[in-house]
C-alpha atoms as a PDB file:
ATOM      1  CA  MET A   1      -3.702  30.943  13.599  1.00  0.00           C
ATOM      2  CA  LEU A   2      -5.643  28.365  11.569  1.00  0.00           C
ATOM      3  CA  GLU A   3      -5.103  30.366   8.373  1.00  0.00           C
ATOM      4  CA  ASN A   4      -1.334  30.338   8.935  1.00  0.00           C
ATOM      5  CA  ILE A   5      -1.273  26.559   9.392  1.00  0.00           C
ATOM      6  CA  GLN A   6      -3.483  26.123   6.321  1.00  0.00           C
ATOM      7  CA  GLU A   7      -1.147  28.310   4.270  1.00  0.00           C
ATOM      8  CA  ILE A   8       1.965  26.451   5.466  1.00  0.00           C
ATOM      9  CA  VAL A   9       0.445  23.037   4.691  1.00  0.00           C
ATOM     10  CA  SER A  10      -0.726  24.188   1.265  1.00  0.00           C
ATOM     11  CA  ASN A  11       2.720  25.605   0.484  1.00  0.00           C
ATOM     12  CA  ILE A  12       4.325  22.283   1.419  1.00  0.00           C
ATOM     13  CA  ILE A  13       1.904  20.340  -0.804  1.00  0.00           C
ATOM     14  CA  ILE A  14       2.356  22.735  -3.726  1.00  0.00           C
ATOM     15  CA  THR A  15       6.146  22.554  -3.349  1.00  0.00           C
ATOM     16  CA  ALA A  16       5.965  18.748  -3.362  1.00  0.00           C
ATOM     17  CA  GLY A  17       3.934  18.915  -6.592  1.00  0.00           C
ATOM     18  CA  ILE A  18       6.504  21.187  -8.202  1.00  0.00           C
ATOM     19  CA  ILE A  19       9.310  18.834  -7.116  1.00  0.00           C
ATOM     20  CA  PHE A  20       7.444  15.848  -8.621  1.00  0.00           C
ATOM     21  CA  MET A  21       7.077  17.758 -11.864  1.00  0.00           C
ATOM     22  CA  LEU A  22      10.755  18.779 -11.836  1.00  0.00           C
ATOM     23  CA  PHE A  23      11.871  15.163 -11.423  1.00  0.00           C
ATOM     24  CA  GLY A  24       9.494  14.195 -14.218  1.00  0.00           C
ATOM     25  CA  VAL A  25      10.979  16.752 -16.586  1.00  0.00           C
ATOM     26  CA  ILE A  26      14.489  15.569 -15.722  1.00  0.00           C
ATOM     27  CA  GLY A  27      13.379  12.003 -16.423  1.00  0.00           C
ATOM     28  CA  LEU A  28      11.844  13.118 -19.699  1.00  0.00           C
ATOM     29  CA  PHE A  29      15.225  14.409 -20.867  1.00  0.00           C
ATOM     30  CA  LYS A  30      17.116  11.440 -19.419  1.00  0.00           C
ATOM     31  CA  PHE A  31      15.168   8.634 -21.099  1.00  0.00           C
ATOM     32  CA  LYS A  32      15.510   8.147 -24.843  1.00  0.00           C
ATOM     33  CA  ASN A  33      12.838   5.518 -25.403  1.00  0.00           C
ATOM     34  CA  PHE A  34       9.258   6.364 -26.398  1.00  0.00           C
ATOM     35  CA  TYR A  35       7.678   4.063 -23.825  1.00  0.00           C
ATOM     36  CA  THR A  36       9.746   5.312 -20.888  1.00  0.00           C
ATOM     37  CA  ARG A  37       9.096   8.913 -21.888  1.00  0.00           C
ATOM     38  CA  LEU A  38       5.394   8.131 -22.052  1.00  0.00           C
ATOM     39  CA  LEU A  39       5.564   6.667 -18.552  1.00  0.00           C
ATOM     40  CA  VAL A  40       7.353   9.730 -17.184  1.00  0.00           C
ATOM     41  CA  THR A  41       4.952  12.201 -18.804  1.00  0.00           C
ATOM     42  CA  SER A  42       1.941  10.318 -17.482  1.00  0.00           C
ATOM     43  CA  LYS A  43       3.457  10.462 -13.987  1.00  0.00           C
ATOM     44  CA  ILE A  44       4.028  14.209 -14.359  1.00  0.00           C
ATOM     45  CA  ASP A  45       0.370  14.640 -15.243  1.00  0.00           C
ATOM     46  CA  THR A  46      -1.031  12.301 -12.664  1.00  0.00           C
ATOM     47  CA  VAL A  47       1.151  12.852  -9.613  1.00  0.00           C
ATOM     48  CA  GLY A  48       2.474  16.369 -10.105  1.00  0.00           C
ATOM     49  CA  VAL A  49      -0.635  18.145 -11.296  1.00  0.00           C
ATOM     50  CA  ILE A  50      -2.946  16.388  -8.844  1.00  0.00           C
ATOM     51  CA  THR A  51      -0.621  17.305  -5.971  1.00  0.00           C
ATOM     52  CA  LEU A  52      -0.721  20.927  -7.109  1.00  0.00           C
ATOM     53  CA  ILE A  53      -4.515  20.798  -7.323  1.00  0.00           C
ATOM     54  CA  ILE A  54      -4.789  19.364  -3.810  1.00  0.00           C
ATOM     55  CA  GLY A  55      -2.472  22.108  -2.536  1.00  0.00           C
ATOM     56  CA  LEU A  56      -4.679  24.749  -4.142  1.00  0.00           C
ATOM     57  CA  ALA A  57      -7.778  23.167  -2.590  1.00  0.00           C
ATOM     58  CA  VAL A  58      -6.159  23.219   0.855  1.00  0.00           C
ATOM     59  CA  ARG A  59      -5.116  26.846   0.372  1.00  0.00           C
ATOM     60  CA  ASN A  60      -8.644  27.893  -0.641  1.00  0.00           C
ATOM     61  CA  GLY A  61     -10.373  26.027   2.167  1.00  0.00           C
ATOM     62  CA  VAL A  62     -13.890  24.668   1.878  1.00  0.00           C
ATOM     63  CA  SER A  63     -15.472  26.529  -1.036  1.00  0.00           C
ATOM     64  CA  PHE A  64     -17.166  26.000  -4.368  1.00  0.00           C
ATOM     65  CA  PHE A  65     -13.835  26.539  -6.149  1.00  0.00           C
ATOM     66  CA  SER A  66     -12.184  23.793  -4.066  1.00  0.00           C
ATOM     67  CA  GLY A  67     -14.976  21.405  -4.970  1.00  0.00           C
ATOM     68  CA  LYS A  68     -14.545  22.130  -8.659  1.00  0.00           C
ATOM     69  CA  ILE A  69     -10.795  21.624  -8.673  1.00  0.00           C
ATOM     70  CA  LEU A  70     -11.069  18.450  -6.576  1.00  0.00           C
ATOM     71  CA  LEU A  71     -13.580  17.148  -9.127  1.00  0.00           C
ATOM     72  CA  LEU A  72     -11.006  17.983 -11.795  1.00  0.00           C
ATOM     73  CA  ALA A  73      -8.401  15.995  -9.824  1.00  0.00           C
ATOM     74  CA  VAL A  74     -10.705  12.962  -9.677  1.00  0.00           C
ATOM     75  CA  ILE A  75     -11.317  13.186 -13.427  1.00  0.00           C
ATOM     76  CA  MET A  76      -7.556  13.403 -14.028  1.00  0.00           C
ATOM     77  CA  MET A  77      -6.942  10.380 -11.781  1.00  0.00           C
ATOM     78  CA  ILE A  78      -9.381   8.376 -13.881  1.00  0.00           C
ATOM     79  CA  PHE A  79      -8.509   9.503 -17.392  1.00  0.00           C
ATOM     80  CA  ASN A  80      -4.725  10.158 -17.363  1.00  0.00           C
ATOM     81  CA  PRO A  81      -3.730   6.491 -16.868  1.00  0.00           C
ATOM     82  CA  LEU A  82      -6.306   5.426 -19.457  1.00  0.00           C
ATOM     83  CA  ILE A  83      -4.956   7.876 -22.008  1.00  0.00           C
ATOM     84  CA  ALA A  84      -1.339   6.815 -21.367  1.00  0.00           C
ATOM     85  CA  HIS A  85      -2.311   3.151 -21.714  1.00  0.00           C
ATOM     86  CA  THR A  86      -4.166   3.859 -24.964  1.00  0.00           C
ATOM     87  CA  LEU A  87      -1.162   5.704 -26.411  1.00  0.00           C
ATOM     88  CA  ALA A  88       1.246   2.927 -25.440  1.00  0.00           C
ATOM     89  CA  ARG A  89      -1.047   0.206 -26.753  1.00  0.00           C
ATOM     90  CA  SER A  90      -1.614   1.947 -30.080  1.00  0.00           C
ATOM     91  CA  ALA A  91       2.142   2.488 -30.471  1.00  0.00           C
ATOM     92  CA  TYR A  92       2.788  -1.178 -29.702  1.00  0.00           C
ATOM     93  CA  LEU A  93       0.072  -2.417 -32.066  1.00  0.00           C
ATOM     94  CA  SER A  94       1.311  -0.157 -34.869  1.00  0.00           C
ATOM     95  CA  GLY A  95       4.757  -1.740 -34.604  1.00  0.00           C
ATOM     96  CA  HIS A  96       6.715   0.862 -32.675  1.00  0.00           C
ATOM     97  CA  GLU A  97       9.526  -1.121 -31.062  1.00  0.00           C
ATOM     98  CA  LEU A  98      11.890  -0.464 -28.212  1.00  0.00           C
ATOM     99  CA  ASP A  99      15.372   0.813 -28.957  1.00  0.00           C
ATOM    100  CA  ASN A 100      17.380  -2.374 -28.448  1.00  0.00           C
ATOM    101  CA  GLU A 101      20.781  -1.056 -29.573  1.00  0.00           C
ATOM    102  CA  LYS A 102      22.503  -1.737 -26.243  1.00  0.00           C
ATOM    103  CA  THR A 103      21.125  -5.268 -25.896  1.00  0.00           C
ATOM    104  CA  GLU A 104      22.125  -6.183 -29.438  1.00  0.00           C
ATOM    105  CA  GLU A 105      25.659  -4.895 -28.901  1.00  0.00           C
ATOM    106  CA  GLY A 106      25.947  -6.820 -25.640  1.00  0.00           C
ATOM    107  CA  ALA A 107      24.677 -10.030 -27.248  1.00  0.00           C
ATOM    108  CA  SER A 108      27.147  -9.866 -30.139  1.00  0.00           C
ATOM    109  CA  SER A 109      30.170  -9.293 -27.878  1.00  0.00           C
END
């Protein structure tokens, strides 16, 4: 009985992670700007993958494997936002600008 509930909960969490990643991929194709694409890809990494990892940990139960993948999730929660911030900051400092075509057209009209 407990194994069935554990499997159902883990399937729900894994499905939620896949849905987060699907929305992220759709957003990646929808946005044309470097900075918005960077934001979407960092959310795919942080939210989607960590949700999948938590679902796998729930499915496996309390074990050494679950501890290792939860440690991986904590490391991802720390380093993924830092890496995304570093990429955005280096792009900004190197002069990569936003695509302001729509705002320039609207201002000239």
